[in-house]
């Protein structure tokens, strides 16, 4: 699999990756995808998950201008590409990396009989 660098992403996708890094542990809710691109808007929300017995540590990538995306982030970008139009209802983030995604999309016309 070819590596993808942060610098190769569109600005909306960069914002999504940086949001994952800032969340660190939690979730990003209701991210719209229109024409294959991310649209963060007022319906988008962030849930933060704090462990009260540990100190919160900022992701080191937040200080970097460019870096190779982890495999999970690349898979998220592939999901966005294949979705074209829809909603990422929930992106679960662990250790600053998107680990799971719940996608809402319409049933394709060809599937309706």
C-alpha atoms as a PDB file:
ATOM      1  CA  UNK A   1       0.000   0.000   0.000  1.00  0.00           C
ATOM      2  CA  UNK A   2       1.366   3.390  -1.003  1.00  0.00           C
ATOM      3  CA  UNK A   3       1.918   5.802   1.875  1.00  0.00           C
ATOM      4  CA  UNK A   4      -0.133   8.979   2.079  1.00  0.00           C
ATOM      5  CA  UNK A   5       1.281  12.122   3.615  1.00  0.00           C
ATOM      6  CA  UNK A   6      -0.648  14.778   5.501  1.00  0.00           C
ATOM      7  CA  UNK A   7       0.562  17.404   3.004  1.00  0.00           C
ATOM      8  CA  UNK A   8      -1.199  15.539   0.164  1.00  0.00           C
ATOM      9  CA  UNK A   9      -4.662  16.015   1.701  1.00  0.00           C
ATOM     10  CA  UNK A  10      -7.191  18.708   0.847  1.00  0.00           C
ATOM     11  CA  UNK A  11      -7.722  21.369   3.509  1.00  0.00           C
ATOM     12  CA  UNK A  12     -11.030  19.851   4.775  1.00  0.00           C
ATOM     13  CA  UNK A  13      -9.340  16.459   5.172  1.00  0.00           C
ATOM     14  CA  UNK A  14      -6.388  18.060   6.960  1.00  0.00           C
ATOM     15  CA  UNK A  15      -8.848  19.674   9.367  1.00  0.00           C
ATOM     16  CA  UNK A  16     -10.445  16.264  10.005  1.00  0.00           C
ATOM     17  CA  UNK A  17      -7.069  14.631  10.721  1.00  0.00           C
ATOM     18  CA  UNK A  18      -6.045  17.488  13.052  1.00  0.00           C
ATOM     19  CA  UNK A  19      -9.413  17.223  14.800  1.00  0.00           C
ATOM     20  CA  UNK A  20      -8.767  13.523  15.419  1.00  0.00           C
ATOM     21  CA  UNK A  21      -5.366  14.376  16.880  1.00  0.00           C
ATOM     22  CA  UNK A  22      -6.843  17.063  19.148  1.00  0.00           C
ATOM     23  CA  UNK A  23      -9.675  14.795  20.322  1.00  0.00           C
ATOM     24  CA  UNK A  24      -7.090  12.089  21.101  1.00  0.00           C
ATOM     25  CA  UNK A  25      -9.760   9.875  22.749  1.00  0.00           C
ATOM     26  CA  UNK A  26     -13.435  10.299  21.951  1.00  0.00           C
ATOM     27  CA  UNK A  27     -15.533  10.737  18.834  1.00  0.00           C
ATOM     28  CA  UNK A  28     -16.384  13.155  16.041  1.00  0.00           C
ATOM     29  CA  UNK A  29     -20.080  13.200  15.152  1.00  0.00           C
ATOM     30  CA  UNK A  30     -22.097  14.199  12.083  1.00  0.00           C
ATOM     31  CA  UNK A  31     -19.449  14.979   9.487  1.00  0.00           C
ATOM     32  CA  UNK A  32     -21.121  15.512   6.121  1.00  0.00           C
ATOM     33  CA  UNK A  33     -19.510  14.288   2.893  1.00  0.00           C
ATOM     34  CA  UNK A  34     -20.582  16.172  -0.247  1.00  0.00           C
ATOM     35  CA  UNK A  35     -19.123  15.384  -3.667  1.00  0.00           C
ATOM     36  CA  UNK A  36     -16.438  13.281  -2.006  1.00  0.00           C
ATOM     37  CA  UNK A  37     -15.252  16.047   0.308  1.00  0.00           C
ATOM     38  CA  UNK A  38     -15.598  16.674   4.042  1.00  0.00           C
ATOM     39  CA  UNK A  39     -17.909  19.426   5.264  1.00  0.00           C
ATOM     40  CA  UNK A  40     -17.532  20.198   8.951  1.00  0.00           C
ATOM     41  CA  UNK A  41     -20.421  22.435  10.005  1.00  0.00           C
ATOM     42  CA  UNK A  42     -22.463  23.463  13.036  1.00  0.00           C
ATOM     43  CA  UNK A  43     -24.077  19.999  13.185  1.00  0.00           C
ATOM     44  CA  UNK A  44     -20.633  18.433  13.614  1.00  0.00           C
ATOM     45  CA  UNK A  45     -19.763  17.720  17.232  1.00  0.00           C
ATOM     46  CA  UNK A  46     -16.849  16.374  19.234  1.00  0.00           C
ATOM     47  CA  UNK A  47     -17.054  14.048  22.225  1.00  0.00           C
ATOM     48  CA  UNK A  48     -13.976  13.920  24.446  1.00  0.00           C
ATOM     49  CA  UNK A  49     -13.212  10.830  26.534  1.00  0.00           C
ATOM     50  CA  UNK A  50     -10.959  11.567  29.517  1.00  0.00           C
ATOM     51  CA  UNK A  51      -9.474   9.019  31.884  1.00  0.00           C
ATOM     52  CA  UNK A  52      -9.330  10.786  35.194  1.00  0.00           C
ATOM     53  CA  UNK A  53      -6.567   8.583  36.567  1.00  0.00           C
ATOM     54  CA  UNK A  54      -4.101   9.567  33.792  1.00  0.00           C
ATOM     55  CA  UNK A  55      -2.619  12.816  32.560  1.00  0.00           C
ATOM     56  CA  UNK A  56      -3.770  13.891  29.123  1.00  0.00           C
ATOM     57  CA  UNK A  57      -0.874  13.937  26.641  1.00  0.00           C
ATOM     58  CA  UNK A  58      -1.055  15.995  23.442  1.00  0.00           C
ATOM     59  CA  UNK A  59      -0.336  14.132  20.200  1.00  0.00           C
ATOM     60  CA  UNK A  60       3.203  14.846  18.994  1.00  0.00           C
ATOM     61  CA  UNK A  61       1.979  15.033  15.372  1.00  0.00           C
ATOM     62  CA  UNK A  62       0.179  18.286  16.200  1.00  0.00           C
ATOM     63  CA  UNK A  63       3.599  19.956  16.144  1.00  0.00           C
ATOM     64  CA  UNK A  64       4.582  18.471  12.774  1.00  0.00           C
ATOM     65  CA  UNK A  65       3.988  20.193   9.444  1.00  0.00           C
ATOM     66  CA  UNK A  66       3.964  16.886   7.554  1.00  0.00           C
ATOM     67  CA  UNK A  67       3.911  13.181   8.420  1.00  0.00           C
ATOM     68  CA  UNK A  68       2.841   9.831   6.983  1.00  0.00           C
ATOM     69  CA  UNK A  69      -0.781   9.036   7.783  1.00  0.00           C
ATOM     70  CA  UNK A  70      -1.413   5.859   9.762  1.00  0.00           C
ATOM     71  CA  UNK A  71      -3.201   3.040   7.938  1.00  0.00           C
ATOM     72  CA  UNK A  72      -6.487   3.762   9.738  1.00  0.00           C
ATOM     73  CA  UNK A  73      -6.505   7.376   8.541  1.00  0.00           C
ATOM     74  CA  UNK A  74      -5.843   6.188   4.982  1.00  0.00           C
ATOM     75  CA  UNK A  75      -8.757   3.748   5.250  1.00  0.00           C
ATOM     76  CA  UNK A  76     -10.985   6.595   6.462  1.00  0.00           C
ATOM     77  CA  UNK A  77      -9.987   8.650   3.397  1.00  0.00           C
ATOM     78  CA  UNK A  78     -10.831   5.659   1.186  1.00  0.00           C
ATOM     79  CA  UNK A  79     -14.260   5.400   2.849  1.00  0.00           C
ATOM     80  CA  UNK A  80     -14.840   9.105   2.196  1.00  0.00           C
ATOM     81  CA  UNK A  81     -13.827   8.659  -1.453  1.00  0.00           C
ATOM     82  CA  UNK A  82     -16.237   5.752  -1.913  1.00  0.00           C
ATOM     83  CA  UNK A  83     -19.084   7.486  -0.076  1.00  0.00           C
ATOM     84  CA  UNK A  84     -19.253  10.524  -2.408  1.00  0.00           C
ATOM     85  CA  UNK A  85     -22.341  11.905  -0.561  1.00  0.00           C
ATOM     86  CA  UNK A  86     -23.481  10.924   2.904  1.00  0.00           C
ATOM     87  CA  UNK A  87     -22.813  11.326   6.589  1.00  0.00           C
ATOM     88  CA  UNK A  88     -20.062  10.050   8.835  1.00  0.00           C
ATOM     89  CA  UNK A  89     -22.314   9.692  11.859  1.00  0.00           C
ATOM     90  CA  UNK A  90     -19.552   8.760  14.240  1.00  0.00           C
ATOM     91  CA  UNK A  91     -15.776   8.574  13.931  1.00  0.00           C
ATOM     92  CA  UNK A  92     -14.361   6.871  17.012  1.00  0.00           C
ATOM     93  CA  UNK A  93     -10.891   8.170  17.873  1.00  0.00           C
ATOM     94  CA  UNK A  94      -8.326   6.364  20.053  1.00  0.00           C
ATOM     95  CA  UNK A  95      -4.839   7.742  20.607  1.00  0.00           C
ATOM     96  CA  UNK A  96      -5.482  10.489  18.030  1.00  0.00           C
ATOM     97  CA  UNK A  97      -6.226   7.999  15.252  1.00  0.00           C
ATOM     98  CA  UNK A  98      -9.653   7.275  13.718  1.00  0.00           C
ATOM     99  CA  UNK A  99     -10.348   3.627  14.617  1.00  0.00           C
ATOM    100  CA  UNK A 100     -14.004   3.101  13.658  1.00  0.00           C
ATOM    101  CA  UNK A 101     -16.572   4.919  11.559  1.00  0.00           C
ATOM    102  CA  UNK A 102     -20.333   4.662  11.257  1.00  0.00           C
ATOM    103  CA  UNK A 103     -21.507   5.803   7.817  1.00  0.00           C
ATOM    104  CA  UNK A 104     -25.012   6.809   6.737  1.00  0.00           C
ATOM    105  CA  UNK A 105     -25.801   6.847   3.036  1.00  0.00           C
ATOM    106  CA  UNK A 106     -28.792   6.431   0.768  1.00  0.00           C
ATOM    107  CA  UNK A 107     -29.622   3.102  -0.776  1.00  0.00           C
ATOM    108  CA  UNK A 108     -28.252   3.126  -4.347  1.00  0.00           C
ATOM    109  CA  UNK A 109     -30.973   3.480  -6.998  1.00  0.00           C
ATOM    110  CA  UNK A 110     -29.899   0.276  -8.707  1.00  0.00           C
ATOM    111  CA  UNK A 111     -30.566  -1.620  -5.459  1.00  0.00           C
ATOM    112  CA  UNK A 112     -34.218  -0.500  -5.399  1.00  0.00           C
ATOM    113  CA  UNK A 113     -36.445  -2.822  -7.396  1.00  0.00           C
END
